[in-house]
mmCIF file of all heavy atoms, coordinates in Angstrom:
data_MODEL
# 
_entry.id   MODEL 
# 
loop_
_atom_site.group_PDB 
_atom_site.id 
_atom_site.type_symbol 
_atom_site.label_atom_id 
_atom_site.label_alt_id 
_atom_site.label_comp_id 
_atom_site.label_asym_id 
_atom_site.label_entity_id 
_atom_site.label_seq_id 
_atom_site.pdbx_PDB_ins_code 
_atom_site.Cartn_x 
_atom_site.Cartn_y 
_atom_site.Cartn_z 
_atom_site.occupancy 
_atom_site.B_iso_or_equiv 
_atom_site.pdbx_formal_charge 
_atom_site.auth_seq_id 
_atom_site.auth_comp_id 
_atom_site.auth_asym_id 
_atom_site.auth_atom_id 
_atom_site.pdbx_PDB_model_num 
ATOM 1   N N   . LEU A 1 1  ? 46.241 -29.161 18.426 1.00 0.00 ? 1  LEU A N   1 
ATOM 2   C CA  . LEU A 1 1  ? 46.993 -28.917 19.667 1.00 0.00 ? 1  LEU A CA  1 
ATOM 3   C C   . LEU A 1 1  ? 46.462 -29.729 20.807 1.00 0.00 ? 1  LEU A C   1 
ATOM 4   O O   . LEU A 1 1  ? 47.214 -30.107 21.728 1.00 0.00 ? 1  LEU A O   1 
ATOM 5   C CB  . LEU A 1 1  ? 47.045 -27.456 20.029 1.00 0.00 ? 1  LEU A CB  1 
ATOM 6   C CG  . LEU A 1 1  ? 47.835 -26.550 19.120 1.00 0.00 ? 1  LEU A CG  1 
ATOM 7   C CD1 . LEU A 1 1  ? 47.802 -25.065 19.483 1.00 0.00 ? 1  LEU A CD1 1 
ATOM 8   C CD2 . LEU A 1 1  ? 49.391 -26.978 19.060 1.00 0.00 ? 1  LEU A CD2 1 
ATOM 9   N N   . PHE A 1 2  ? 45.106 -30.017 20.785 1.00 0.00 ? 2  PHE A N   1 
ATOM 10  C CA  . PHE A 1 2  ? 44.530 -30.832 21.864 1.00 0.00 ? 2  PHE A CA  1 
ATOM 11  C C   . PHE A 1 2  ? 45.026 -32.247 21.886 1.00 0.00 ? 2  PHE A C   1 
ATOM 12  O O   . PHE A 1 2  ? 44.844 -32.964 22.815 1.00 0.00 ? 2  PHE A O   1 
ATOM 13  C CB  . PHE A 1 2  ? 43.002 -30.790 21.714 1.00 0.00 ? 2  PHE A CB  1 
ATOM 14  C CG  . PHE A 1 2  ? 42.318 -29.595 22.381 1.00 0.00 ? 2  PHE A CG  1 
ATOM 15  C CD1 . PHE A 1 2  ? 42.916 -28.385 22.351 1.00 0.00 ? 2  PHE A CD1 1 
ATOM 16  C CD2 . PHE A 1 2  ? 41.163 -29.796 23.063 1.00 0.00 ? 2  PHE A CD2 1 
ATOM 17  C CE1 . PHE A 1 2  ? 42.302 -27.255 22.965 1.00 0.00 ? 2  PHE A CE1 1 
ATOM 18  C CE2 . PHE A 1 2  ? 40.580 -28.684 23.705 1.00 0.00 ? 2  PHE A CE2 1 
ATOM 19  C CZ  . PHE A 1 2  ? 41.119 -27.439 23.674 1.00 0.00 ? 2  PHE A CZ  1 
ATOM 20  N N   . ALA A 1 3  ? 45.717 -32.638 20.754 1.00 0.00 ? 3  ALA A N   1 
ATOM 21  C CA  . ALA A 1 3  ? 46.280 -34.035 20.733 1.00 0.00 ? 3  ALA A CA  1 
ATOM 22  C C   . ALA A 1 3  ? 47.621 -34.084 21.477 1.00 0.00 ? 3  ALA A C   1 
ATOM 23  O O   . ALA A 1 3  ? 48.183 -35.136 21.573 1.00 0.00 ? 3  ALA A O   1 
ATOM 24  C CB  . ALA A 1 3  ? 46.466 -34.419 19.336 1.00 0.00 ? 3  ALA A CB  1 
ATOM 25  N N   . GLY A 1 4  ? 48.124 -32.987 22.029 1.00 0.00 ? 4  GLY A N   1 
ATOM 26  C CA  . GLY A 1 4  ? 49.327 -32.980 22.777 1.00 0.00 ? 4  GLY A CA  1 
ATOM 27  C C   . GLY A 1 4  ? 50.495 -32.715 22.023 1.00 0.00 ? 4  GLY A C   1 
ATOM 28  O O   . GLY A 1 4  ? 50.506 -32.146 20.925 1.00 0.00 ? 4  GLY A O   1 
ATOM 29  N N   . PHE A 1 5  ? 51.660 -33.210 22.519 1.00 0.00 ? 5  PHE A N   1 
ATOM 30  C CA  . PHE A 1 5  ? 52.983 -32.917 21.880 1.00 0.00 ? 5  PHE A CA  1 
ATOM 31  C C   . PHE A 1 5  ? 53.355 -33.849 20.787 1.00 0.00 ? 5  PHE A C   1 
ATOM 32  O O   . PHE A 1 5  ? 54.474 -33.872 20.274 1.00 0.00 ? 5  PHE A O   1 
ATOM 33  C CB  . PHE A 1 5  ? 54.119 -32.952 22.874 1.00 0.00 ? 5  PHE A CB  1 
ATOM 34  C CG  . PHE A 1 5  ? 54.130 -31.696 23.741 1.00 0.00 ? 5  PHE A CG  1 
ATOM 35  C CD1 . PHE A 1 5  ? 53.884 -31.755 25.080 1.00 0.00 ? 5  PHE A CD1 1 
ATOM 36  C CD2 . PHE A 1 5  ? 54.555 -30.509 23.203 1.00 0.00 ? 5  PHE A CD2 1 
ATOM 37  C CE1 . PHE A 1 5  ? 53.954 -30.617 25.864 1.00 0.00 ? 5  PHE A CE1 1 
ATOM 38  C CE2 . PHE A 1 5  ? 54.625 -29.346 23.929 1.00 0.00 ? 5  PHE A CE2 1 
ATOM 39  C CZ  . PHE A 1 5  ? 54.327 -29.354 25.288 1.00 0.00 ? 5  PHE A CZ  1 
ATOM 40  N N   . PHE A 1 6  ? 52.450 -34.733 20.270 1.00 0.00 ? 6  PHE A N   1 
ATOM 41  C CA  . PHE A 1 6  ? 52.651 -35.612 19.177 1.00 0.00 ? 6  PHE A CA  1 
ATOM 42  C C   . PHE A 1 6  ? 53.170 -34.859 18.021 1.00 0.00 ? 6  PHE A C   1 
ATOM 43  O O   . PHE A 1 6  ? 52.455 -33.925 17.512 1.00 0.00 ? 6  PHE A O   1 
ATOM 44  C CB  . PHE A 1 6  ? 51.376 -36.409 18.870 1.00 0.00 ? 6  PHE A CB  1 
ATOM 45  C CG  . PHE A 1 6  ? 51.589 -37.454 17.792 1.00 0.00 ? 6  PHE A CG  1 
ATOM 46  C CD1 . PHE A 1 6  ? 52.422 -38.500 17.956 1.00 0.00 ? 6  PHE A CD1 1 
ATOM 47  C CD2 . PHE A 1 6  ? 50.879 -37.403 16.588 1.00 0.00 ? 6  PHE A CD2 1 
ATOM 48  C CE1 . PHE A 1 6  ? 52.643 -39.458 16.986 1.00 0.00 ? 6  PHE A CE1 1 
ATOM 49  C CE2 . PHE A 1 6  ? 51.010 -38.356 15.624 1.00 0.00 ? 6  PHE A CE2 1 
ATOM 50  C CZ  . PHE A 1 6  ? 51.903 -39.416 15.800 1.00 0.00 ? 6  PHE A CZ  1 
ATOM 51  N N   . PRO A 1 7  ? 54.363 -35.085 17.531 1.00 0.00 ? 7  PRO A N   1 
ATOM 52  C CA  . PRO A 1 7  ? 55.026 -34.080 16.564 1.00 0.00 ? 7  PRO A CA  1 
ATOM 53  C C   . PRO A 1 7  ? 54.279 -33.637 15.384 1.00 0.00 ? 7  PRO A C   1 
ATOM 54  O O   . PRO A 1 7  ? 54.150 -32.455 15.202 1.00 0.00 ? 7  PRO A O   1 
ATOM 55  C CB  . PRO A 1 7  ? 56.293 -34.847 16.207 1.00 0.00 ? 7  PRO A CB  1 
ATOM 56  C CG  . PRO A 1 7  ? 56.604 -35.697 17.371 1.00 0.00 ? 7  PRO A CG  1 
ATOM 57  C CD  . PRO A 1 7  ? 55.284 -36.130 17.939 1.00 0.00 ? 7  PRO A CD  1 
ATOM 58  N N   . PRO A 1 8  ? 53.728 -34.602 14.585 1.00 0.00 ? 8  PRO A N   1 
ATOM 59  C CA  . PRO A 1 8  ? 53.044 -34.035 13.393 1.00 0.00 ? 8  PRO A CA  1 
ATOM 60  C C   . PRO A 1 8  ? 51.913 -33.105 13.691 1.00 0.00 ? 8  PRO A C   1 
ATOM 61  O O   . PRO A 1 8  ? 51.756 -32.079 13.094 1.00 0.00 ? 8  PRO A O   1 
ATOM 62  C CB  . PRO A 1 8  ? 52.505 -35.338 12.694 1.00 0.00 ? 8  PRO A CB  1 
ATOM 63  C CG  . PRO A 1 8  ? 53.382 -36.384 13.212 1.00 0.00 ? 8  PRO A CG  1 
ATOM 64  C CD  . PRO A 1 8  ? 53.695 -36.034 14.636 1.00 0.00 ? 8  PRO A CD  1 
ATOM 65  N N   . THR A 1 9  ? 51.032 -33.524 14.632 1.00 0.00 ? 9  THR A N   1 
ATOM 66  C CA  . THR A 1 9  ? 49.818 -32.691 14.887 1.00 0.00 ? 9  THR A CA  1 
ATOM 67  C C   . THR A 1 9  ? 50.247 -31.427 15.673 1.00 0.00 ? 9  THR A C   1 
ATOM 68  O O   . THR A 1 9  ? 49.589 -30.376 15.454 1.00 0.00 ? 9  THR A O   1 
ATOM 69  C CB  . THR A 1 9  ? 48.792 -33.479 15.678 1.00 0.00 ? 9  THR A CB  1 
ATOM 70  O OG1 . THR A 1 9  ? 49.381 -34.049 16.884 1.00 0.00 ? 9  THR A OG1 1 
ATOM 71  C CG2 . THR A 1 9  ? 48.200 -34.623 14.882 1.00 0.00 ? 9  THR A CG2 1 
ATOM 72  N N   . PHE A 1 10 ? 51.134 -31.450 16.547 1.00 0.00 ? 10 PHE A N   1 
ATOM 73  C CA  . PHE A 1 10 ? 51.546 -30.311 17.360 1.00 0.00 ? 10 PHE A CA  1 
ATOM 74  C C   . PHE A 1 10 ? 52.186 -29.262 16.409 1.00 0.00 ? 10 PHE A C   1 
ATOM 75  O O   . PHE A 1 10 ? 51.756 -28.052 16.484 1.00 0.00 ? 10 PHE A O   1 
ATOM 76  C CB  . PHE A 1 10 ? 52.607 -30.683 18.400 1.00 0.00 ? 10 PHE A CB  1 
ATOM 77  C CG  . PHE A 1 10 ? 53.004 -29.487 19.244 1.00 0.00 ? 10 PHE A CG  1 
ATOM 78  C CD1 . PHE A 1 10 ? 52.255 -29.014 20.206 1.00 0.00 ? 10 PHE A CD1 1 
ATOM 79  C CD2 . PHE A 1 10 ? 54.305 -28.873 19.027 1.00 0.00 ? 10 PHE A CD2 1 
ATOM 80  C CE1 . PHE A 1 10 ? 52.657 -27.916 21.028 1.00 0.00 ? 10 PHE A CE1 1 
ATOM 81  C CE2 . PHE A 1 10 ? 54.660 -27.806 19.747 1.00 0.00 ? 10 PHE A CE2 1 
ATOM 82  C CZ  . PHE A 1 10 ? 53.858 -27.299 20.720 1.00 0.00 ? 10 PHE A CZ  1 
ATOM 83  N N   . ILE A 1 11 ? 53.085 -29.665 15.553 1.00 0.00 ? 11 ILE A N   1 
ATOM 84  C CA  . ILE A 1 11 ? 53.718 -28.688 14.636 1.00 0.00 ? 11 ILE A CA  1 
ATOM 85  C C   . ILE A 1 11 ? 52.645 -28.093 13.637 1.00 0.00 ? 11 ILE A C   1 
ATOM 86  O O   . ILE A 1 11 ? 52.600 -26.879 13.437 1.00 0.00 ? 11 ILE A O   1 
ATOM 87  C CB  . ILE A 1 11 ? 54.832 -29.396 13.826 1.00 0.00 ? 11 ILE A CB  1 
ATOM 88  C CG1 . ILE A 1 11 ? 55.959 -29.761 14.832 1.00 0.00 ? 11 ILE A CG1 1 
ATOM 89  C CG2 . ILE A 1 11 ? 55.427 -28.476 12.741 1.00 0.00 ? 11 ILE A CG2 1 
ATOM 90  C CD1 . ILE A 1 11 ? 57.064 -30.664 14.184 1.00 0.00 ? 11 ILE A CD1 1 
ATOM 91  N N   . LEU A 1 12 ? 51.858 -29.008 13.084 1.00 0.00 ? 12 LEU A N   1 
ATOM 92  C CA  . LEU A 1 12 ? 50.816 -28.453 12.138 1.00 0.00 ? 12 LEU A CA  1 
ATOM 93  C C   . LEU A 1 12 ? 49.790 -27.646 12.909 1.00 0.00 ? 12 LEU A C   1 
ATOM 94  O O   . LEU A 1 12 ? 49.373 -26.554 12.337 1.00 0.00 ? 12 LEU A O   1 
ATOM 95  C CB  . LEU A 1 12 ? 50.143 -29.645 11.543 1.00 0.00 ? 12 LEU A CB  1 
ATOM 96  C CG  . LEU A 1 12 ? 49.153 -29.329 10.389 1.00 0.00 ? 12 LEU A CG  1 
ATOM 97  C CD1 . LEU A 1 12 ? 49.851 -28.491 9.259  1.00 0.00 ? 12 LEU A CD1 1 
ATOM 98  C CD2 . LEU A 1 12 ? 48.556 -30.609 9.735  1.00 0.00 ? 12 LEU A CD2 1 
ATOM 99  N N   . GLY A 1 13 ? 49.472 -27.940 14.130 1.00 0.00 ? 13 GLY A N   1 
ATOM 100 C CA  . GLY A 1 13 ? 48.586 -27.101 14.914 1.00 0.00 ? 13 GLY A CA  1 
ATOM 101 C C   . GLY A 1 13 ? 49.087 -25.779 15.152 1.00 0.00 ? 13 GLY A C   1 
ATOM 102 O O   . GLY A 1 13 ? 48.373 -24.679 15.057 1.00 0.00 ? 13 GLY A O   1 
ATOM 103 N N   . VAL A 1 14 ? 50.376 -25.656 15.506 1.00 0.00 ? 14 VAL A N   1 
ATOM 104 C CA  . VAL A 1 14 ? 51.007 -24.342 15.722 1.00 0.00 ? 14 VAL A CA  1 
ATOM 105 C C   . VAL A 1 14 ? 51.005 -23.528 14.450 1.00 0.00 ? 14 VAL A C   1 
ATOM 106 O O   . VAL A 1 14 ? 50.696 -22.356 14.486 1.00 0.00 ? 14 VAL A O   1 
ATOM 107 C CB  . VAL A 1 14 ? 52.454 -24.596 16.244 1.00 0.00 ? 14 VAL A CB  1 
ATOM 108 C CG1 . VAL A 1 14 ? 53.186 -23.224 16.229 1.00 0.00 ? 14 VAL A CG1 1 
ATOM 109 C CG2 . VAL A 1 14 ? 52.456 -25.138 17.676 1.00 0.00 ? 14 VAL A CG2 1 
ATOM 110 N N   . VAL A 1 15 ? 51.380 -24.121 13.334 1.00 0.00 ? 15 VAL A N   1 
ATOM 111 C CA  . VAL A 1 15 ? 51.475 -23.450 12.061 1.00 0.00 ? 15 VAL A CA  1 
ATOM 112 C C   . VAL A 1 15 ? 50.076 -22.942 11.703 1.00 0.00 ? 15 VAL A C   1 
ATOM 113 O O   . VAL A 1 15 ? 49.920 -21.742 11.273 1.00 0.00 ? 15 VAL A O   1 
ATOM 114 C CB  . VAL A 1 15 ? 52.017 -24.314 10.983 1.00 0.00 ? 15 VAL A CB  1 
ATOM 115 C CG1 . VAL A 1 15 ? 51.901 -23.636 9.615  1.00 0.00 ? 15 VAL A CG1 1 
ATOM 116 C CG2 . VAL A 1 15 ? 53.515 -24.637 11.248 1.00 0.00 ? 15 VAL A CG2 1 
ATOM 117 N N   . LEU A 1 16 ? 49.060 -23.813 11.775 1.00 0.00 ? 16 LEU A N   1 
ATOM 118 C CA  . LEU A 1 16 ? 47.678 -23.383 11.368 1.00 0.00 ? 16 LEU A CA  1 
ATOM 119 C C   . LEU A 1 16 ? 47.171 -22.244 12.307 1.00 0.00 ? 16 LEU A C   1 
ATOM 120 O O   . LEU A 1 16 ? 46.550 -21.260 11.785 1.00 0.00 ? 16 LEU A O   1 
ATOM 121 C CB  . LEU A 1 16 ? 46.778 -24.518 11.442 1.00 0.00 ? 16 LEU A CB  1 
ATOM 122 C CG  . LEU A 1 16 ? 46.907 -25.575 10.261 1.00 0.00 ? 16 LEU A CG  1 
ATOM 123 C CD1 . LEU A 1 16 ? 46.009 -26.780 10.464 1.00 0.00 ? 16 LEU A CD1 1 
ATOM 124 C CD2 . LEU A 1 16 ? 46.535 -24.913 8.931  1.00 0.00 ? 16 LEU A CD2 1 
ATOM 125 N N   . LEU A 1 17 ? 47.411 -22.378 13.604 1.00 0.00 ? 17 LEU A N   1 
ATOM 126 C CA  . LEU A 1 17 ? 46.962 -21.360 14.484 1.00 0.00 ? 17 LEU A CA  1 
ATOM 127 C C   . LEU A 1 17 ? 47.681 -20.089 14.231 1.00 0.00 ? 17 LEU A C   1 
ATOM 128 O O   . LEU A 1 17 ? 47.104 -18.958 14.303 1.00 0.00 ? 17 LEU A O   1 
ATOM 129 C CB  . LEU A 1 17 ? 47.107 -21.780 15.907 1.00 0.00 ? 17 LEU A CB  1 
ATOM 130 C CG  . LEU A 1 17 ? 46.550 -20.834 16.993 1.00 0.00 ? 17 LEU A CG  1 
ATOM 131 C CD1 . LEU A 1 17 ? 45.086 -20.550 16.778 1.00 0.00 ? 17 LEU A CD1 1 
ATOM 132 C CD2 . LEU A 1 17 ? 46.743 -21.459 18.372 1.00 0.00 ? 17 LEU A CD2 1 
ATOM 133 N N   . GLY A 1 18 ? 49.011 -20.149 13.982 1.00 0.00 ? 18 GLY A N   1 
ATOM 134 C CA  . GLY A 1 18 ? 49.770 -18.944 13.665 1.00 0.00 ? 18 GLY A CA  1 
ATOM 135 C C   . GLY A 1 18 ? 49.259 -18.265 12.443 1.00 0.00 ? 18 GLY A C   1 
ATOM 136 O O   . GLY A 1 18 ? 49.142 -17.031 12.330 1.00 0.00 ? 18 GLY A O   1 
ATOM 137 N N   . ILE A 1 19 ? 48.998 -19.036 11.371 1.00 0.00 ? 19 ILE A N   1 
ATOM 138 C CA  . ILE A 1 19 ? 48.462 -18.541 10.136 1.00 0.00 ? 19 ILE A CA  1 
ATOM 139 C C   . ILE A 1 19 ? 47.123 -17.832 10.412 1.00 0.00 ? 19 ILE A C   1 
ATOM 140 O O   . ILE A 1 19 ? 46.813 -16.702 9.853  1.00 0.00 ? 19 ILE A O   1 
ATOM 141 C CB  . ILE A 1 19 ? 48.324 -19.627 9.084  1.00 0.00 ? 19 ILE A CB  1 
ATOM 142 C CG1 . ILE A 1 19 ? 49.734 -19.995 8.577  1.00 0.00 ? 19 ILE A CG1 1 
ATOM 143 C CG2 . ILE A 1 19 ? 47.568 -19.117 7.848  1.00 0.00 ? 19 ILE A CG2 1 
ATOM 144 C CD1 . ILE A 1 19 ? 49.746 -21.222 7.624  1.00 0.00 ? 19 ILE A CD1 1 
ATOM 145 N N   . SER A 1 20 ? 46.266 -18.499 11.140 1.00 0.00 ? 20 SER A N   1 
ATOM 146 C CA  . SER A 1 20 ? 44.949 -17.911 11.456 1.00 0.00 ? 20 SER A CA  1 
ATOM 147 C C   . SER A 1 20 ? 45.096 -16.557 12.183 1.00 0.00 ? 20 SER A C   1 
ATOM 148 O O   . SER A 1 20 ? 44.416 -15.595 11.808 1.00 0.00 ? 20 SER A O   1 
ATOM 149 C CB  . SER A 1 20 ? 44.202 -18.853 12.384 1.00 0.00 ? 20 SER A CB  1 
ATOM 150 O OG  . SER A 1 20 ? 42.913 -18.256 12.813 1.00 0.00 ? 20 SER A OG  1 
ATOM 151 N N   . LYS A 1 21 ? 46.037 -16.441 13.094 1.00 0.00 ? 21 LYS A N   1 
ATOM 152 C CA  . LYS A 1 21 ? 46.246 -15.168 13.828 1.00 0.00 ? 21 LYS A CA  1 
ATOM 153 C C   . LYS A 1 21 ? 46.816 -14.105 12.879 1.00 0.00 ? 21 LYS A C   1 
ATOM 154 O O   . LYS A 1 21 ? 46.380 -12.932 12.944 1.00 0.00 ? 21 LYS A O   1 
ATOM 155 C CB  . LYS A 1 21 ? 47.196 -15.341 14.996 1.00 0.00 ? 21 LYS A CB  1 
ATOM 156 C CG  . LYS A 1 21 ? 46.520 -16.161 16.118 1.00 0.00 ? 21 LYS A CG  1 
ATOM 157 C CD  . LYS A 1 21 ? 47.532 -16.447 17.252 1.00 0.00 ? 21 LYS A CD  1 
ATOM 158 C CE  . LYS A 1 21 ? 46.922 -17.187 18.457 1.00 0.00 ? 21 LYS A CE  1 
ATOM 159 N NZ  . LYS A 1 21 ? 45.987 -16.279 19.183 1.00 0.00 ? 21 LYS A NZ  1 
ATOM 160 N N   . ILE A 1 22 ? 47.717 -14.516 11.964 1.00 0.00 ? 22 ILE A N   1 
ATOM 161 C CA  . ILE A 1 22 ? 48.247 -13.547 10.980 1.00 0.00 ? 22 ILE A CA  1 
ATOM 162 C C   . ILE A 1 22 ? 47.136 -12.987 10.096 1.00 0.00 ? 22 ILE A C   1 
ATOM 163 O O   . ILE A 1 22 ? 47.005 -11.811 9.940  1.00 0.00 ? 22 ILE A O   1 
ATOM 164 C CB  . ILE A 1 22 ? 49.340 -14.264 10.144 1.00 0.00 ? 22 ILE A CB  1 
ATOM 165 C CG1 . ILE A 1 22 ? 50.629 -14.462 10.956 1.00 0.00 ? 22 ILE A CG1 1 
ATOM 166 C CG2 . ILE A 1 22 ? 49.651 -13.450 8.881  1.00 0.00 ? 22 ILE A CG2 1 
ATOM 167 C CD1 . ILE A 1 22 ? 51.650 -15.400 10.232 1.00 0.00 ? 22 ILE A CD1 1 
ATOM 168 N N   . VAL A 1 23 ? 46.360 -13.885 9.483  1.00 0.00 ? 23 VAL A N   1 
ATOM 169 C CA  . VAL A 1 23 ? 45.323 -13.440 8.561  1.00 0.00 ? 23 VAL A CA  1 
ATOM 170 C C   . VAL A 1 23 ? 44.279 -12.673 9.274  1.00 0.00 ? 23 VAL A C   1 
ATOM 171 O O   . VAL A 1 23 ? 43.716 -11.657 8.750  1.00 0.00 ? 23 VAL A O   1 
ATOM 172 C CB  . VAL A 1 23 ? 44.738 -14.620 7.813  1.00 0.00 ? 23 VAL A CB  1 
ATOM 173 C CG1 . VAL A 1 23 ? 43.657 -14.120 6.852  1.00 0.00 ? 23 VAL A CG1 1 
ATOM 174 C CG2 . VAL A 1 23 ? 45.819 -15.342 7.016  1.00 0.00 ? 23 VAL A CG2 1 
ATOM 175 N N   . ASN A 1 24 ? 43.922 -13.083 10.540 1.00 0.00 ? 24 ASN A N   1 
ATOM 176 C CA  . ASN A 1 24 ? 42.956 -12.433 11.354 1.00 0.00 ? 24 ASN A CA  1 
ATOM 177 C C   . ASN A 1 24 ? 43.397 -10.980 11.552 1.00 0.00 ? 24 ASN A C   1 
ATOM 178 O O   . ASN A 1 24 ? 42.523 -9.973  11.383 1.00 0.00 ? 24 ASN A O   1 
ATOM 179 C CB  . ASN A 1 24 ? 42.827 -13.118 12.660 1.00 0.00 ? 24 ASN A CB  1 
ATOM 180 C CG  . ASN A 1 24 ? 41.689 -12.499 13.592 1.00 0.00 ? 24 ASN A CG  1 
ATOM 181 O OD1 . ASN A 1 24 ? 41.651 -11.290 13.706 1.00 0.00 ? 24 ASN A OD1 1 
ATOM 182 N ND2 . ASN A 1 24 ? 40.903 -13.370 14.158 1.00 0.00 ? 24 ASN A ND2 1 
ATOM 183 N N   . ASN A 1 25 ? 44.583 -10.724 11.859 1.00 0.00 ? 25 ASN A N   1 
ATOM 184 C CA  . ASN A 1 25 ? 45.094 -9.382  12.262 1.00 0.00 ? 25 ASN A CA  1 
ATOM 185 C C   . ASN A 1 25 ? 45.337 -8.596  10.952 1.00 0.00 ? 25 ASN A C   1 
ATOM 186 O O   . ASN A 1 25 ? 44.995 -7.384  10.950 1.00 0.00 ? 25 ASN A O   1 
ATOM 187 C CB  . ASN A 1 25 ? 46.353 -9.430  13.032 1.00 0.00 ? 25 ASN A CB  1 
ATOM 188 C CG  . ASN A 1 25 ? 46.095 -9.995  14.440 1.00 0.00 ? 25 ASN A CG  1 
ATOM 189 O OD1 . ASN A 1 25 ? 47.050 -10.220 15.192 1.00 0.00 ? 25 ASN A OD1 1 
ATOM 190 N ND2 . ASN A 1 25 ? 44.951 -10.088 14.881 1.00 0.00 ? 25 ASN A ND2 1 
ATOM 191 N N   . MET A 1 26 ? 45.974 -9.151  9.913  1.00 0.00 ? 26 MET A N   1 
ATOM 192 C CA  . MET A 1 26 ? 46.455 -8.385  8.834  1.00 0.00 ? 26 MET A CA  1 
ATOM 193 C C   . MET A 1 26 ? 45.405 -8.256  7.664  1.00 0.00 ? 26 MET A C   1 
ATOM 194 O O   . MET A 1 26 ? 45.293 -7.146  7.134  1.00 0.00 ? 26 MET A O   1 
ATOM 195 C CB  . MET A 1 26 ? 47.771 -8.982  8.290  1.00 0.00 ? 26 MET A CB  1 
ATOM 196 C CG  . MET A 1 26 ? 48.827 -9.049  9.445  1.00 0.00 ? 26 MET A CG  1 
ATOM 197 S SD  . MET A 1 26 ? 50.477 -9.538  8.861  1.00 0.00 ? 26 MET A SD  1 
ATOM 198 C CE  . MET A 1 26 ? 51.024 -7.992  8.117  1.00 0.00 ? 26 MET A CE  1 
# 
């Protein structure tokens, strides 16, 4: 996500962070 809105890294960053939060909580 620190790479900005560059599509591949932004989308993958969102997905990875979302997965981390899911597994962290659940």
